[in-house]
Amino acid sequence: MVDNELDMMIGSPTSKNDPKAAEGFYNSGMESEEAGDRFGAIESYRQAVENHRDTKYLFKLACQLDMIGEDDEAYDLYEEICSCPEAPVHALINFATMLEDQEQHNKAE
């Protein structure tokens, strides 16, 4: 059973753990992105995340969702990424920008 809506959309932390399949979906997402198919890329990145919750996959999904205005889901993903001990700098910057846009200046710092 799915505990929350985000888990239903991108997979729960207890979803599959298949890094090889995830990398294949990630590569497919990159190809879709290069071809200008943002929605195809999002679908592939969702599948990558479902197969293996890695910050690389989470970040690509968050960026694409952010670009199409899916702020709530992107916010949740950035928050998860930024809670990791070695969060990517680009994710920290994107999340801080999103927080500033929402006038959450203290949290953005």
N, C-alpha and C. Protein backbone atom coordinates (compact mmCIF):
# COMPACT_ATOMS: atom_id res chain seq x y z
N MET A 1 0.83 -1.18 0.00
CA MET A 1 0.00 0.00 0.00
C MET A 1 0.88 1.25 0.00
N VAL A 2 0.48 2.27 -0.72
CA VAL A 2 1.22 3.51 -0.83
C VAL A 2 0.83 4.43 0.32
N ASP A 3 1.84 4.92 1.06
CA ASP A 3 1.57 5.76 2.22
C ASP A 3 1.32 7.21 1.87
N ASN A 4 1.95 7.70 0.81
CA ASN A 4 1.69 9.08 0.44
C ASN A 4 1.73 9.25 -1.07
N GLU A 5 1.24 10.38 -1.52
CA GLU A 5 1.10 10.63 -2.95
C GLU A 5 2.44 10.64 -3.67
N LEU A 6 3.48 11.20 -3.05
CA LEU A 6 4.79 11.25 -3.69
C LEU A 6 5.33 9.84 -3.93
N ASP A 7 5.15 8.95 -2.95
CA ASP A 7 5.59 7.57 -3.14
C ASP A 7 4.87 6.93 -4.32
N MET A 8 3.60 7.26 -4.49
CA MET A 8 2.84 6.70 -5.60
C MET A 8 3.39 7.22 -6.93
N MET A 9 3.79 8.49 -6.97
CA MET A 9 4.25 9.09 -8.22
C MET A 9 5.66 8.65 -8.60
N ILE A 10 6.59 8.61 -7.64
CA ILE A 10 7.98 8.33 -8.00
C ILE A 10 8.52 7.06 -7.37
N GLY A 11 7.74 6.40 -6.57
CA GLY A 11 8.20 5.17 -5.93
C GLY A 11 8.64 5.44 -4.50
N SER A 12 8.37 4.52 -3.64
CA SER A 12 8.75 4.69 -2.25
C SER A 12 10.20 4.28 -2.05
N PRO A 13 10.80 4.69 -0.93
CA PRO A 13 12.17 4.30 -0.66
C PRO A 13 12.36 2.79 -0.59
N THR A 14 11.27 2.05 -0.43
CA THR A 14 11.37 0.59 -0.37
C THR A 14 11.05 -0.04 -1.72
N SER A 15 11.05 0.78 -2.78
CA SER A 15 10.77 0.20 -4.09
C SER A 15 11.95 -0.64 -4.55
N LYS A 16 11.90 -1.10 -5.78
CA LYS A 16 12.92 -2.00 -6.32
C LYS A 16 14.32 -1.44 -6.10
N ASN A 17 15.30 -2.33 -6.16
CA ASN A 17 16.69 -1.89 -6.11
C ASN A 17 17.43 -2.58 -7.24
N ASP A 18 17.30 -2.02 -8.42
CA ASP A 18 17.92 -2.58 -9.61
C ASP A 18 18.71 -1.47 -10.32
N PRO A 19 19.94 -1.21 -9.84
CA PRO A 19 20.74 -0.13 -10.41
C PRO A 19 20.97 -0.26 -11.92
N LYS A 20 21.08 -1.47 -12.42
CA LYS A 20 21.32 -1.67 -13.85
C LYS A 20 20.11 -1.21 -14.67
N ALA A 21 18.92 -1.60 -14.25
CA ALA A 21 17.70 -1.17 -14.93
C ALA A 21 17.54 0.35 -14.81
N ALA A 22 17.85 0.87 -13.63
CA ALA A 22 17.73 2.31 -13.40
C ALA A 22 18.64 3.08 -14.36
N GLU A 23 19.85 2.61 -14.55
CA GLU A 23 20.79 3.29 -15.45
C GLU A 23 20.26 3.27 -16.89
N GLY A 24 19.63 2.17 -17.28
CA GLY A 24 19.03 2.09 -18.61
C GLY A 24 17.91 3.11 -18.78
N PHE A 25 17.05 3.24 -17.77
CA PHE A 25 15.99 4.24 -17.83
C PHE A 25 16.56 5.65 -17.83
N TYR A 26 17.61 5.86 -17.04
CA TYR A 26 18.26 7.17 -16.98
C TYR A 26 18.81 7.54 -18.37
N ASN A 27 19.50 6.60 -19.00
CA ASN A 27 20.04 6.86 -20.34
C ASN A 27 18.92 7.15 -21.34
N SER A 28 17.82 6.43 -21.22
CA SER A 28 16.67 6.67 -22.08
C SER A 28 16.12 8.08 -21.84
N GLY A 29 16.09 8.50 -20.58
CA GLY A 29 15.64 9.84 -20.24
C GLY A 29 16.55 10.90 -20.83
N MET A 30 17.85 10.66 -20.78
CA MET A 30 18.81 11.60 -21.36
C MET A 30 18.59 11.72 -22.87
N GLU A 31 18.35 10.59 -23.52
CA GLU A 31 18.08 10.61 -24.97
C GLU A 31 16.80 11.38 -25.27
N SER A 32 15.77 11.15 -24.48
CA SER A 32 14.51 11.87 -24.68
C SER A 32 14.71 13.36 -24.47
N GLU A 33 15.47 13.70 -23.45
CA GLU A 33 15.74 15.10 -23.16
C GLU A 33 16.49 15.76 -24.33
N GLU A 34 17.50 15.07 -24.85
CA GLU A 34 18.27 15.60 -25.99
C GLU A 34 17.39 15.76 -27.23
N ALA A 35 16.39 14.91 -27.38
CA ALA A 35 15.48 14.98 -28.52
C ALA A 35 14.36 16.01 -28.31
N GLY A 36 14.35 16.65 -27.14
CA GLY A 36 13.33 17.65 -26.85
C GLY A 36 12.03 17.09 -26.31
N ASP A 37 12.04 15.82 -25.93
CA ASP A 37 10.84 15.18 -25.40
C ASP A 37 10.89 15.19 -23.87
N ARG A 38 10.51 16.32 -23.30
CA ARG A 38 10.59 16.49 -21.85
C ARG A 38 9.70 15.49 -21.11
N PHE A 39 8.50 15.25 -21.61
CA PHE A 39 7.59 14.33 -20.91
C PHE A 39 8.08 12.89 -21.00
N GLY A 40 8.68 12.53 -22.12
CA GLY A 40 9.29 11.21 -22.23
C GLY A 40 10.45 11.06 -21.27
N ALA A 41 11.24 12.14 -21.13
CA ALA A 41 12.36 12.13 -20.20
C ALA A 41 11.86 11.96 -18.77
N ILE A 42 10.81 12.67 -18.42
CA ILE A 42 10.25 12.57 -17.07
C ILE A 42 9.81 11.14 -16.78
N GLU A 43 9.14 10.53 -17.72
CA GLU A 43 8.69 9.15 -17.52
C GLU A 43 9.88 8.21 -17.31
N SER A 44 10.91 8.38 -18.10
CA SER A 44 12.10 7.54 -17.96
C SER A 44 12.79 7.78 -16.62
N TYR A 45 12.91 9.04 -16.22
CA TYR A 45 13.54 9.34 -14.93
C TYR A 45 12.71 8.81 -13.77
N ARG A 46 11.40 8.85 -13.90
CA ARG A 46 10.54 8.25 -12.86
C ARG A 46 10.84 6.76 -12.72
N GLN A 47 10.99 6.09 -13.86
CA GLN A 47 11.28 4.65 -13.82
C GLN A 47 12.67 4.39 -13.25
N ALA A 48 13.62 5.26 -13.56
CA ALA A 48 14.96 5.12 -12.99
C ALA A 48 14.90 5.22 -11.47
N VAL A 49 14.17 6.22 -10.97
CA VAL A 49 14.03 6.42 -9.53
C VAL A 49 13.30 5.24 -8.89
N GLU A 50 12.30 4.72 -9.57
CA GLU A 50 11.56 3.58 -9.04
C GLU A 50 12.46 2.35 -8.89
N ASN A 51 13.41 2.22 -9.80
CA ASN A 51 14.31 1.07 -9.76
C ASN A 51 15.50 1.25 -8.83
N HIS A 52 15.88 2.50 -8.60
CA HIS A 52 17.03 2.75 -7.71
C HIS A 52 17.04 4.22 -7.31
N ARG A 53 16.84 4.50 -6.04
CA ARG A 53 16.79 5.88 -5.55
C ARG A 53 18.20 6.42 -5.39
N ASP A 54 18.70 7.00 -6.45
CA ASP A 54 20.03 7.59 -6.47
C ASP A 54 19.86 9.09 -6.69
N THR A 55 20.71 9.90 -6.08
CA THR A 55 20.57 11.35 -6.22
C THR A 55 20.69 11.80 -7.67
N LYS A 56 21.45 11.08 -8.47
CA LYS A 56 21.58 11.45 -9.90
C LYS A 56 20.23 11.37 -10.59
N TYR A 57 19.49 10.31 -10.33
CA TYR A 57 18.18 10.12 -10.96
C TYR A 57 17.15 11.07 -10.37
N LEU A 58 17.17 11.21 -9.05
CA LEU A 58 16.25 12.13 -8.38
C LEU A 58 16.44 13.56 -8.88
N PHE A 59 17.70 13.97 -9.06
CA PHE A 59 17.99 15.32 -9.51
C PHE A 59 17.48 15.57 -10.92
N LYS A 60 17.71 14.64 -11.82
CA LYS A 60 17.24 14.83 -13.21
C LYS A 60 15.72 14.91 -13.24
N LEU A 61 15.06 14.07 -12.46
CA LEU A 61 13.60 14.12 -12.39
C LEU A 61 13.13 15.45 -11.81
N ALA A 62 13.75 15.88 -10.72
CA ALA A 62 13.37 17.15 -10.09
C ALA A 62 13.54 18.32 -11.05
N CYS A 63 14.64 18.35 -11.76
CA CYS A 63 14.90 19.45 -12.72
C CYS A 63 13.83 19.52 -13.79
N GLN A 64 13.50 18.37 -14.36
CA GLN A 64 12.51 18.34 -15.43
C GLN A 64 11.13 18.74 -14.90
N LEU A 65 10.78 18.25 -13.73
CA LEU A 65 9.49 18.61 -13.13
C LEU A 65 9.43 20.10 -12.82
N ASP A 66 10.54 20.63 -12.33
CA ASP A 66 10.63 22.06 -12.05
C ASP A 66 10.40 22.88 -13.32
N MET A 67 10.95 22.41 -14.42
CA MET A 67 10.85 23.14 -15.69
C MET A 67 9.43 23.16 -16.26
N ILE A 68 8.62 22.15 -15.91
CA ILE A 68 7.24 22.15 -16.43
C ILE A 68 6.25 22.69 -15.40
N GLY A 69 6.78 23.21 -14.30
CA GLY A 69 5.92 23.84 -13.31
C GLY A 69 5.33 22.92 -12.26
N GLU A 70 5.83 21.69 -12.19
CA GLU A 70 5.37 20.75 -11.15
C GLU A 70 6.16 21.02 -9.87
N ASP A 71 5.92 22.20 -9.30
CA ASP A 71 6.73 22.68 -8.18
C ASP A 71 6.63 21.83 -6.93
N ASP A 72 5.45 21.35 -6.61
CA ASP A 72 5.28 20.57 -5.37
C ASP A 72 6.11 19.29 -5.40
N GLU A 73 6.03 18.58 -6.50
CA GLU A 73 6.79 17.32 -6.60
C GLU A 73 8.28 17.61 -6.68
N ALA A 74 8.66 18.63 -7.45
CA ALA A 74 10.08 19.01 -7.55
C ALA A 74 10.61 19.40 -6.17
N TYR A 75 9.83 20.16 -5.42
CA TYR A 75 10.21 20.59 -4.08
C TYR A 75 10.52 19.37 -3.20
N ASP A 76 9.61 18.40 -3.21
CA ASP A 76 9.81 17.20 -2.39
C ASP A 76 11.07 16.45 -2.79
N LEU A 77 11.32 16.37 -4.08
CA LEU A 77 12.52 15.68 -4.55
C LEU A 77 13.78 16.43 -4.16
N TYR A 78 13.80 17.75 -4.37
CA TYR A 78 14.97 18.55 -3.97
C TYR A 78 15.21 18.43 -2.47
N GLU A 79 14.14 18.44 -1.70
CA GLU A 79 14.28 18.32 -0.24
C GLU A 79 14.93 16.98 0.12
N GLU A 80 14.49 15.92 -0.54
CA GLU A 80 15.08 14.59 -0.29
C GLU A 80 16.56 14.56 -0.68
N ILE A 81 16.85 15.11 -1.86
CA ILE A 81 18.24 15.12 -2.34
C ILE A 81 19.12 15.91 -1.39
N CYS A 82 18.64 17.08 -0.97
CA CYS A 82 19.44 17.97 -0.13
C CYS A 82 19.62 17.45 1.29
N SER A 83 18.83 16.46 1.68
CA SER A 83 19.00 15.86 3.00
C SER A 83 20.08 14.79 3.00
N CYS A 84 20.59 14.45 1.82
CA CYS A 84 21.68 13.47 1.72
C CYS A 84 22.98 14.09 2.20
N PRO A 85 23.86 13.29 2.80
CA PRO A 85 25.12 13.83 3.31
C PRO A 85 25.98 14.53 2.24
N GLU A 86 25.98 14.02 1.05
CA GLU A 86 26.78 14.62 -0.03
C GLU A 86 25.86 15.07 -1.16
N ALA A 87 24.99 16.01 -0.85
CA ALA A 87 24.03 16.51 -1.85
C ALA A 87 24.78 17.25 -2.95
N PRO A 88 24.38 17.02 -4.21
CA PRO A 88 25.01 17.74 -5.32
C PRO A 88 24.78 19.25 -5.20
N VAL A 89 25.82 20.01 -5.52
CA VAL A 89 25.75 21.47 -5.41
C VAL A 89 24.61 22.03 -6.24
N HIS A 90 24.40 21.50 -7.44
CA HIS A 90 23.33 22.02 -8.30
C HIS A 90 21.95 21.82 -7.67
N ALA A 91 21.79 20.72 -6.96
CA ALA A 91 20.51 20.49 -6.29
C ALA A 91 20.31 21.49 -5.16
N LEU A 92 21.38 21.78 -4.42
CA LEU A 92 21.29 22.76 -3.34
C LEU A 92 20.93 24.14 -3.89
N ILE A 93 21.54 24.50 -5.00
CA ILE A 93 21.27 25.80 -5.62
C ILE A 93 19.82 25.86 -6.11
N ASN A 94 19.39 24.82 -6.82
CA ASN A 94 18.01 24.79 -7.34
C ASN A 94 16.99 24.85 -6.21
N PHE A 95 17.25 24.11 -5.14
CA PHE A 95 16.31 24.09 -4.02
C PHE A 95 16.28 25.45 -3.33
N ALA A 96 17.45 26.05 -3.14
CA ALA A 96 17.50 27.38 -2.52
C ALA A 96 16.75 28.40 -3.38
N THR A 97 16.90 28.32 -4.69
CA THR A 97 16.19 29.22 -5.59
C THR A 97 14.68 29.03 -5.47
N MET A 98 14.27 27.77 -5.42
CA MET A 98 12.84 27.47 -5.28
C MET A 98 12.31 28.02 -3.95
N LEU A 99 13.08 27.85 -2.88
CA LEU A 99 12.67 28.37 -1.58
C LEU A 99 12.57 29.89 -1.59
N GLU A 100 13.51 30.55 -2.24
CA GLU A 100 13.46 32.01 -2.34
C GLU A 100 12.24 32.46 -3.14
N ASP A 101 11.92 31.73 -4.20
CA ASP A 101 10.73 32.05 -5.00
C ASP A 101 9.46 31.95 -4.14
N GLN A 102 9.49 31.06 -3.16
CA GLN A 102 8.35 30.89 -2.27
C GLN A 102 8.48 31.76 -1.01
N GLU A 103 9.45 32.66 -1.04
CA GLU A 103 9.72 33.60 0.05
C GLU A 103 10.02 32.89 1.37
N GLN A 104 10.67 31.74 1.29
CA GLN A 104 11.14 31.02 2.46
C GLN A 104 12.64 31.30 2.61
N HIS A 105 12.97 32.57 2.81
CA HIS A 105 14.36 33.03 2.80
C HIS A 105 15.22 32.39 3.88
N ASN A 106 14.68 32.22 5.06
CA ASN A 106 15.47 31.61 6.14
C ASN A 106 15.84 30.17 5.81
N LYS A 107 14.91 29.43 5.28
CA LYS A 107 15.19 28.03 4.93
C LYS A 107 16.15 27.95 3.73
N ALA A 108 16.08 28.93 2.83
CA ALA A 108 16.95 28.94 1.66
C ALA A 108 18.42 29.11 2.05
N GLU A 109 18.68 29.80 3.16
CA GLU A 109 20.06 30.01 3.60
C GLU A 109 20.63 28.71 4.12
